[in-house]
Amino acid sequence: MIGKLHDAPLNLLKMDALLRRLPSHHIRYEEVKEQLKKYSAGFYGEKSIGFPLSFLEEKRFMIYHDLRLYDGTHHFQIDTLVISQHYILIVEVKNISGTLMFDPIFNQMIRISETKEEAFPDPLTQVERQRLQLEMFLLKSKVSWIPIETLIVISNRSTVLKATHEINAITSKVIRSEYLPTKVKSIDKRYPTELLTMKEVRKLGRFLVKHHEPLDRDILKQFSIPVTDLLVGVQCPNCARMPMIRIHGKWLCQSCSSVSKDAHLKALNDYALLVSKEITNQELRGFLRLSSEDAATRLLKSLNLEFSGANKGRRYMLDIRQF
């Protein structure tokens, strides 16, 4: 059973909003575009293991995606956590194309292409660190001891896997996604002792979700981009041009003539992701390129947002959504 869905990470949503709000000639545009490409590949790779995981018995396993916890010293991220009555399984997903060479001597993973070799951090070291951090987290939280297993799942079917040394050790930990259900069955055989009831499994899962701390970086600071560099205005949902203009309570695209009643929602979502989760009437007019204070007031009232303050100092609280 799924205990926590695989929602898009905040950083991915922020990068997507940032790229759409940067002029294509901006000095950071290509850098943001490349980072977004990498994050997107990782996210969709992580989501793709939903299919092989669906073959696990719902009554026996609780599955939690995208957990970020704090062990008392450092935060650590887990792509997917599978909890059973017998053990916990950490699943680290890699969606990397090309030929991957695992090198345990230098603790690295090398991607080999026709033109170059590129080094990546060693996933085996990564999941072992996650295992130790999760052990520390559970120990400090006074959770009953339960063994923790780790797996690295390669989600890209075209990826070629190789190893320089210790092939047996690597193949016991690195698998293709379609082999995941079979691998889980083999792990089951190593842990016949029931350590938790299913009630305790679900309780542990709720505890982990309660302590989940999503990564929330200032994306503009991360890329050293001033807020004044952002493109403002409502983006057309049809052709992606901006700004749309407000006419008779609707948004009209000046490029493709599309009309929308609620295109401002995504623009305000962009503002919450990139600038602030609070906005004033004046700030809304500036970001949506609305000239009328009354129109901005009516729009804000229609959203039924929580607010603080009064008159011109009133600040409205924006919710971040996934469009």
Foldseek 3Di string as FASTA:
>chain_A
DEPADLDQALVLVLLVLQLLFFDCPDPCNVVSVVVNVQSVLQSVQLVVLVVLVVPDDPLFKYKHAWFWFDLPDDIATAGMWIDGLFAIETEAEDADAAEWEQEPVVQWIWHDDPPDIDIDGRVVVNVVVVQVSVVSNCVVVVHDDHYYHYAYEYAHPNYHYHYDDPVVVNVLHYYYSNCVVVNVVVVCVVGVDRNHDVVSRSVVSVVRVVRGDGDQDQVCVVSVHDPVSTHAAQADPPPRDDHFDDDPQWTADPPPRDIGNPSVLVQLLNCCSHPHQKDFLVRSCVRNVNPDSVSSVVVVVVVVFDWDDDDRPIIGGHDHDDD
